[in-house]
Amino acid sequence: MPFNLPIALTWLRVAAIPLVVAVFYLPNSWLTPFDKNLTATVIFIFAAVTDWLDGFLARKMKQESAFGQFLDPVADKLIVAAALLVLLNMDRVQVWVALIIIGREITISALREWMALLGAGKSVAVHMVGKLKTTAQLVAIPFLLLNDTIFGWLNCAQVGTWLIWIASFLTLWSMFYYMKKALPQIVEKAK
């Protein structure tokens, strides 16, 4: 298992997962509800930035690796799922949104594993639609975590809700895209 700066950043994203969750379970005497929201938002944004930065550095420093390509999307899926479960617990996101996003991640991960076993893993390689889906999720979730009004007029809960609905649509779109790409190989192998 290689270890370099890009992979270290990905591991930092994994380490941020329990922090985002734990902040909301601290006593109110330690952090006010607003401070909990703000702290979780800052941690999540830091993690989201490392998602871009680790890939950028891996390419720039020529430190791309199979392990990094495996760990990066796993870290993304874990932090998004953890944040969604926290938001669901606080009634800041609808159940159907969490089911779509988490269900898609499980479905496509299983599909990729199956396609790799069939020797057709490249047919479901990461595509721009998948990256767009991840970006939409990583932008929507901080608004839902903050759950406050900023600049005196921007209602983060409302903006976050609209953005997570858009992210849910992109999530479904990307799932159908990958399934459509895999279908010819599945049909061919079934013959």
C-alpha atoms as a PDB file:
ATOM      1  CA  MET A   1       0.000   0.000   0.000  1.00  0.00           C
ATOM      2  CA  PRO A   2       1.650   3.241  -1.108  1.00  0.00           C
ATOM      3  CA  PHE A   3       1.671   6.268   1.145  1.00  0.00           C
ATOM      4  CA  ASN A   4       2.131   9.765  -0.206  1.00  0.00           C
ATOM      5  CA  LEU A   5       0.647  13.238   0.251  1.00  0.00           C
ATOM      6  CA  PRO A   6      -2.478  12.622  -1.901  1.00  0.00           C
ATOM      7  CA  ILE A   7      -3.257   9.411  -0.029  1.00  0.00           C
ATOM      8  CA  ALA A   8      -2.614  11.159   3.306  1.00  0.00           C
ATOM      9  CA  LEU A   9      -5.215  13.774   2.320  1.00  0.00           C
ATOM     10  CA  THR A  10      -7.686  11.023   1.473  1.00  0.00           C
ATOM     11  CA  TRP A  11      -7.067   9.412   4.875  1.00  0.00           C
ATOM     12  CA  LEU A  12      -7.691  12.824   6.473  1.00  0.00           C
ATOM     13  CA  ARG A  13     -11.094  12.827   4.759  1.00  0.00           C
ATOM     14  CA  VAL A  14     -11.817   9.412   6.262  1.00  0.00           C
ATOM     15  CA  ALA A  15     -10.691  10.673   9.680  1.00  0.00           C
ATOM     16  CA  ALA A  16     -13.068  13.639   9.376  1.00  0.00           C
ATOM     17  CA  ILE A  17     -16.098  11.326   9.266  1.00  0.00           C
ATOM     18  CA  PRO A  18     -16.355  10.612  13.008  1.00  0.00           C
ATOM     19  CA  LEU A  19     -15.601  14.266  13.748  1.00  0.00           C
ATOM     20  CA  VAL A  20     -18.565  15.510  11.674  1.00  0.00           C
ATOM     21  CA  VAL A  21     -20.823  13.067  13.519  1.00  0.00           C
ATOM     22  CA  ALA A  22     -19.345  13.514  17.010  1.00  0.00           C
ATOM     23  CA  VAL A  23     -19.708  17.308  17.004  1.00  0.00           C
ATOM     24  CA  PHE A  24     -23.492  16.980  17.212  1.00  0.00           C
ATOM     25  CA  TYR A  25     -23.253  14.760  20.296  1.00  0.00           C
ATOM     26  CA  LEU A  26     -21.159  17.158  22.355  1.00  0.00           C
ATOM     27  CA  PRO A  27     -22.964  18.715  25.306  1.00  0.00           C
ATOM     28  CA  ASN A  28     -24.543  22.121  24.678  1.00  0.00           C
ATOM     29  CA  SER A  29     -22.393  23.447  27.509  1.00  0.00           C
ATOM     30  CA  TRP A  30     -19.338  22.775  25.296  1.00  0.00           C
ATOM     31  CA  LEU A  31     -20.742  24.071  22.012  1.00  0.00           C
ATOM     32  CA  THR A  32     -23.984  25.883  21.300  1.00  0.00           C
ATOM     33  CA  PRO A  33     -26.228  24.370  18.608  1.00  0.00           C
ATOM     34  CA  PHE A  34     -25.015  27.062  16.182  1.00  0.00           C
ATOM     35  CA  ASP A  35     -21.373  26.293  17.031  1.00  0.00           C
ATOM     36  CA  LYS A  36     -22.014  22.574  16.452  1.00  0.00           C
ATOM     37  CA  ASN A  37     -23.526  23.336  13.054  1.00  0.00           C
ATOM     38  CA  LEU A  38     -20.658  25.640  12.138  1.00  0.00           C
ATOM     39  CA  THR A  39     -17.955  23.222  13.336  1.00  0.00           C
ATOM     40  CA  ALA A  40     -19.466  20.277  11.440  1.00  0.00           C
ATOM     41  CA  THR A  41     -19.800  22.468   8.337  1.00  0.00           C
ATOM     42  CA  VAL A  42     -16.172  23.601   8.486  1.00  0.00           C
ATOM     43  CA  ILE A  43     -14.940  20.020   8.964  1.00  0.00           C
ATOM     44  CA  PHE A  44     -17.101  18.826   6.070  1.00  0.00           C
ATOM     45  CA  ILE A  45     -15.918  21.644   3.775  1.00  0.00           C
ATOM     46  CA  PHE A  46     -12.297  20.829   4.667  1.00  0.00           C
ATOM     47  CA  ALA A  47     -12.973  17.207   3.739  1.00  0.00           C
ATOM     48  CA  ALA A  48     -14.666  18.233   0.479  1.00  0.00           C
ATOM     49  CA  VAL A  49     -11.676  20.398  -0.458  1.00  0.00           C
ATOM     50  CA  THR A  50      -9.313  17.468   0.166  1.00  0.00           C
ATOM     51  CA  ASP A  51     -11.399  15.494  -2.351  1.00  0.00           C
ATOM     52  CA  TRP A  52     -10.351  17.920  -5.074  1.00  0.00           C
ATOM     53  CA  LEU A  53      -6.855  18.499  -3.702  1.00  0.00           C
ATOM     54  CA  ASP A  54      -5.797  14.845  -3.394  1.00  0.00           C
ATOM     55  CA  GLY A  55      -6.652  14.137  -7.035  1.00  0.00           C
ATOM     56  CA  PHE A  56      -4.985  17.344  -8.221  1.00  0.00           C
ATOM     57  CA  LEU A  57      -1.796  16.593  -6.276  1.00  0.00           C
ATOM     58  CA  ALA A  58      -1.715  12.948  -7.359  1.00  0.00           C
ATOM     59  CA  ARG A  59      -1.805  14.007 -11.017  1.00  0.00           C
ATOM     60  CA  LYS A  60       0.589  16.967 -10.594  1.00  0.00           C
ATOM     61  CA  MET A  61       3.125  15.012  -8.520  1.00  0.00           C
ATOM     62  CA  LYS A  62       2.674  11.881 -10.653  1.00  0.00           C
ATOM     63  CA  GLN A  63       1.690   9.891  -7.561  1.00  0.00           C
ATOM     64  CA  GLU A  64      -1.469   8.282  -8.899  1.00  0.00           C
ATOM     65  CA  SER A  65      -1.903   4.739  -7.639  1.00  0.00           C
ATOM     66  CA  ALA A  66      -4.449   1.953  -7.792  1.00  0.00           C
ATOM     67  CA  PHE A  67      -4.863   2.207  -4.021  1.00  0.00           C
ATOM     68  CA  GLY A  68      -5.526   5.954  -4.230  1.00  0.00           C
ATOM     69  CA  GLN A  69      -8.051   5.399  -7.013  1.00  0.00           C
ATOM     70  CA  PHE A  70      -9.791   2.845  -4.758  1.00  0.00           C
ATOM     71  CA  LEU A  71      -9.664   4.858  -1.516  1.00  0.00           C
ATOM     72  CA  ASP A  72     -10.744   8.243  -2.913  1.00  0.00           C
ATOM     73  CA  PRO A  73     -14.316   7.287  -3.913  1.00  0.00           C
ATOM     74  CA  VAL A  74     -14.713   5.166  -0.779  1.00  0.00           C
ATOM     75  CA  ALA A  75     -13.840   8.193   1.374  1.00  0.00           C
ATOM     76  CA  ASP A  76     -16.350  10.304  -0.586  1.00  0.00           C
ATOM     77  CA  LYS A  77     -19.127   7.762  -0.151  1.00  0.00           C
ATOM     78  CA  LEU A  78     -18.450   7.317   3.564  1.00  0.00           C
ATOM     79  CA  ILE A  79     -18.424  11.017   4.460  1.00  0.00           C
ATOM     80  CA  VAL A  80     -21.540  11.719   2.375  1.00  0.00           C
ATOM     81  CA  ALA A  81     -23.398   8.760   3.913  1.00  0.00           C
ATOM     82  CA  ALA A  82     -22.367   9.743   7.460  1.00  0.00           C
ATOM     83  CA  ALA A  83     -23.425  13.364   6.927  1.00  0.00           C
ATOM     84  CA  LEU A  84     -26.750  12.269   5.403  1.00  0.00           C
ATOM     85  CA  LEU A  85     -27.486  10.006   8.365  1.00  0.00           C
ATOM     86  CA  VAL A  86     -26.732  12.843  10.790  1.00  0.00           C
ATOM     87  CA  LEU A  87     -28.931  15.210   8.754  1.00  0.00           C
ATOM     88  CA  LEU A  88     -31.686  12.600   8.599  1.00  0.00           C
ATOM     89  CA  ASN A  89     -31.516  12.182  12.369  1.00  0.00           C
ATOM     90  CA  MET A  90     -31.933  15.961  12.755  1.00  0.00           C
ATOM     91  CA  ASP A  91     -34.834  16.107  10.230  1.00  0.00           C
ATOM     92  CA  ARG A  92     -32.831  18.306   7.857  1.00  0.00           C
ATOM     93  CA  VAL A  93     -33.045  15.929   4.916  1.00  0.00           C
ATOM     94  CA  GLN A  94     -35.887  13.742   3.684  1.00  0.00           C
ATOM     95  CA  VAL A  95     -35.701   9.955   3.961  1.00  0.00           C
ATOM     96  CA  TRP A  96     -36.131   9.542   0.185  1.00  0.00           C
ATOM     97  CA  VAL A  97     -33.045  11.710  -0.430  1.00  0.00           C
ATOM     98  CA  ALA A  98     -30.886   9.603   1.883  1.00  0.00           C
ATOM     99  CA  LEU A  99     -32.254   6.384   0.366  1.00  0.00           C
ATOM    100  CA  ILE A 100     -31.547   7.536  -3.192  1.00  0.00           C
ATOM    101  CA  ILE A 101     -28.008   8.689  -2.462  1.00  0.00           C
ATOM    102  CA  ILE A 102     -26.920   5.842  -0.189  1.00  0.00           C
ATOM    103  CA  GLY A 103     -28.788   3.233  -2.252  1.00  0.00           C
ATOM    104  CA  ARG A 104     -27.099   4.435  -5.435  1.00  0.00           C
ATOM    105  CA  GLU A 105     -23.668   4.233  -3.849  1.00  0.00           C
ATOM    106  CA  ILE A 106     -24.248   0.639  -2.739  1.00  0.00           C
ATOM    107  CA  THR A 107     -25.737  -0.320  -6.122  1.00  0.00           C
ATOM    108  CA  ILE A 108     -22.943   1.182  -8.218  1.00  0.00           C
ATOM    109  CA  SER A 109     -20.217  -0.157  -5.922  1.00  0.00           C
ATOM    110  CA  ALA A 110     -21.697  -3.649  -6.297  1.00  0.00           C
ATOM    111  CA  LEU A 111     -22.057  -3.152 -10.066  1.00  0.00           C
ATOM    112  CA  ARG A 112     -18.404  -2.105 -10.368  1.00  0.00           C
ATOM    113  CA  GLU A 113     -17.284  -5.122  -8.379  1.00  0.00           C
ATOM    114  CA  TRP A 114     -19.397  -7.441 -10.524  1.00  0.00           C
ATOM    115  CA  MET A 115     -18.171  -5.860 -13.751  1.00  0.00           C
ATOM    116  CA  ALA A 116     -14.572  -6.251 -12.562  1.00  0.00           C
ATOM    117  CA  LEU A 117     -15.238  -9.966 -12.002  1.00  0.00           C
ATOM    118  CA  LEU A 118     -16.593 -10.169 -15.559  1.00  0.00           C
ATOM    119  CA  GLY A 119     -13.439  -8.467 -16.826  1.00  0.00           C
ATOM    120  CA  ALA A 120     -15.386  -5.402 -17.951  1.00  0.00           C
ATOM    121  CA  GLY A 121     -14.544  -2.979 -15.152  1.00  0.00           C
ATOM    122  CA  LYS A 122     -13.597  -0.200 -17.590  1.00  0.00           C
ATOM    123  CA  SER A 123     -17.198  -0.021 -18.818  1.00  0.00           C
ATOM    124  CA  VAL A 124     -18.230   1.489 -15.471  1.00  0.00           C
ATOM    125  CA  ALA A 125     -15.122   3.583 -14.835  1.00  0.00           C
ATOM    126  CA  VAL A 126     -15.690   6.974 -13.214  1.00  0.00           C
ATOM    127  CA  HIS A 127     -17.321   9.363 -15.679  1.00  0.00           C
ATOM    128  CA  MET A 128     -18.022  13.100 -15.597  1.00  0.00           C
ATOM    129  CA  VAL A 129     -21.651  12.478 -14.572  1.00  0.00           C
ATOM    130  CA  GLY A 130     -20.389  10.675 -11.453  1.00  0.00           C
ATOM    131  CA  LYS A 131     -18.031  13.534 -10.645  1.00  0.00           C
ATOM    132  CA  LEU A 132     -20.854  16.031 -11.142  1.00  0.00           C
ATOM    133  CA  LYS A 133     -23.030  13.992  -8.752  1.00  0.00           C
ATOM    134  CA  THR A 134     -20.309  13.998  -6.099  1.00  0.00           C
ATOM    135  CA  THR A 135     -19.730  17.732  -6.487  1.00  0.00           C
ATOM    136  CA  ALA A 136     -23.460  18.448  -6.121  1.00  0.00           C
ATOM    137  CA  GLN A 137     -23.592  16.386  -2.923  1.00  0.00           C
ATOM    138  CA  LEU A 138     -20.462  18.020  -1.490  1.00  0.00           C
ATOM    139  CA  VAL A 139     -21.913  21.490  -2.157  1.00  0.00           C
ATOM    140  CA  ALA A 140     -25.427  20.752  -0.813  1.00  0.00           C
ATOM    141  CA  ILE A 141     -24.472  19.075   2.457  1.00  0.00           C
ATOM    142  CA  PRO A 142     -22.616  22.044   4.054  1.00  0.00           C
ATOM    143  CA  PHE A 143     -25.718  24.229   3.619  1.00  0.00           C
ATOM    144  CA  LEU A 144     -27.796  21.567   5.392  1.00  0.00           C
ATOM    145  CA  LEU A 145     -25.204  21.175   8.153  1.00  0.00           C
ATOM    146  CA  LEU A 146     -25.034  24.930   8.770  1.00  0.00           C
ATOM    147  CA  ASN A 147     -28.844  25.241   8.797  1.00  0.00           C
ATOM    148  CA  ASP A 148     -28.821  28.981   9.512  1.00  0.00           C
ATOM    149  CA  THR A 149     -29.262  32.313   7.768  1.00  0.00           C
ATOM    150  CA  ILE A 150     -26.039  33.897   6.552  1.00  0.00           C
ATOM    151  CA  PHE A 151     -25.369  37.377   5.158  1.00  0.00           C
ATOM    152  CA  GLY A 152     -28.693  38.339   6.735  1.00  0.00           C
ATOM    153  CA  TRP A 153     -30.720  36.904   3.843  1.00  0.00           C
ATOM    154  CA  LEU A 154     -29.419  33.491   2.652  1.00  0.00           C
ATOM    155  CA  ASN A 155     -31.467  30.687   4.190  1.00  0.00           C
ATOM    156  CA  CYS A 156     -29.003  27.782   4.221  1.00  0.00           C
ATOM    157  CA  ALA A 157     -31.651  25.172   5.052  1.00  0.00           C
ATOM    158  CA  GLN A 158     -33.738  26.149   2.031  1.00  0.00           C
ATOM    159  CA  VAL A 159     -30.765  26.427  -0.347  1.00  0.00           C
ATOM    160  CA  GLY A 160     -29.386  23.128   0.970  1.00  0.00           C
ATOM    161  CA  THR A 161     -32.734  21.412   0.431  1.00  0.00           C
ATOM    162  CA  TRP A 162     -32.932  22.592  -3.191  1.00  0.00           C
ATOM    163  CA  LEU A 163     -29.324  21.601  -3.811  1.00  0.00           C
ATOM    164  CA  ILE A 164     -29.730  18.140  -2.265  1.00  0.00           C
ATOM    165  CA  TRP A 165     -32.804  17.566  -4.460  1.00  0.00           C
ATOM    166  CA  ILE A 166     -30.679  18.471  -7.482  1.00  0.00           C
ATOM    167  CA  ALA A 167     -27.945  16.176  -6.152  1.00  0.00           C
ATOM    168  CA  SER A 168     -30.550  13.386  -5.799  1.00  0.00           C
ATOM    169  CA  PHE A 169     -31.568  13.828  -9.441  1.00  0.00           C
ATOM    170  CA  LEU A 170     -27.904  13.731 -10.535  1.00  0.00           C
ATOM    171  CA  THR A 171     -27.404  10.685  -8.320  1.00  0.00           C
ATOM    172  CA  LEU A 172     -30.212   8.810 -10.091  1.00  0.00           C
ATOM    173  CA  TRP A 173     -28.985  10.000 -13.488  1.00  0.00           C
ATOM    174  CA  SER A 174     -25.464   8.735 -12.796  1.00  0.00           C
ATOM    175  CA  MET A 175     -26.809   5.389 -11.555  1.00  0.00           C
ATOM    176  CA  PHE A 176     -28.819   4.873 -14.748  1.00  0.00           C
ATOM    177  CA  TYR A 177     -25.849   5.996 -16.838  1.00  0.00           C
ATOM    178  CA  TYR A 178     -23.543   3.383 -15.272  1.00  0.00           C
ATOM    179  CA  MET A 179     -26.187   0.666 -15.450  1.00  0.00           C
ATOM    180  CA  LYS A 180     -26.781   1.433 -19.137  1.00  0.00           C
ATOM    181  CA  LYS A 181     -23.020   1.232 -19.781  1.00  0.00           C
ATOM    182  CA  ALA A 182     -22.811  -2.130 -18.005  1.00  0.00           C
ATOM    183  CA  LEU A 183     -25.889  -3.719 -19.577  1.00  0.00           C
ATOM    184  CA  PRO A 184     -24.300  -4.810 -22.894  1.00  0.00           C
ATOM    185  CA  GLN A 185     -21.484  -6.633 -21.068  1.00  0.00           C
ATOM    186  CA  ILE A 186     -23.946  -8.245 -18.661  1.00  0.00           C
ATOM    187  CA  VAL A 187     -26.133  -9.450 -21.554  1.00  0.00           C
ATOM    188  CA  GLU A 188     -23.058 -10.696 -23.454  1.00  0.00           C
ATOM    189  CA  LYS A 189     -21.754 -12.645 -20.432  1.00  0.00           C
ATOM    190  CA  ALA A 190     -25.220 -14.131 -19.796  1.00  0.00           C
ATOM    191  CA  LYS A 191     -25.268 -15.766 -23.257  1.00  0.00           C
END
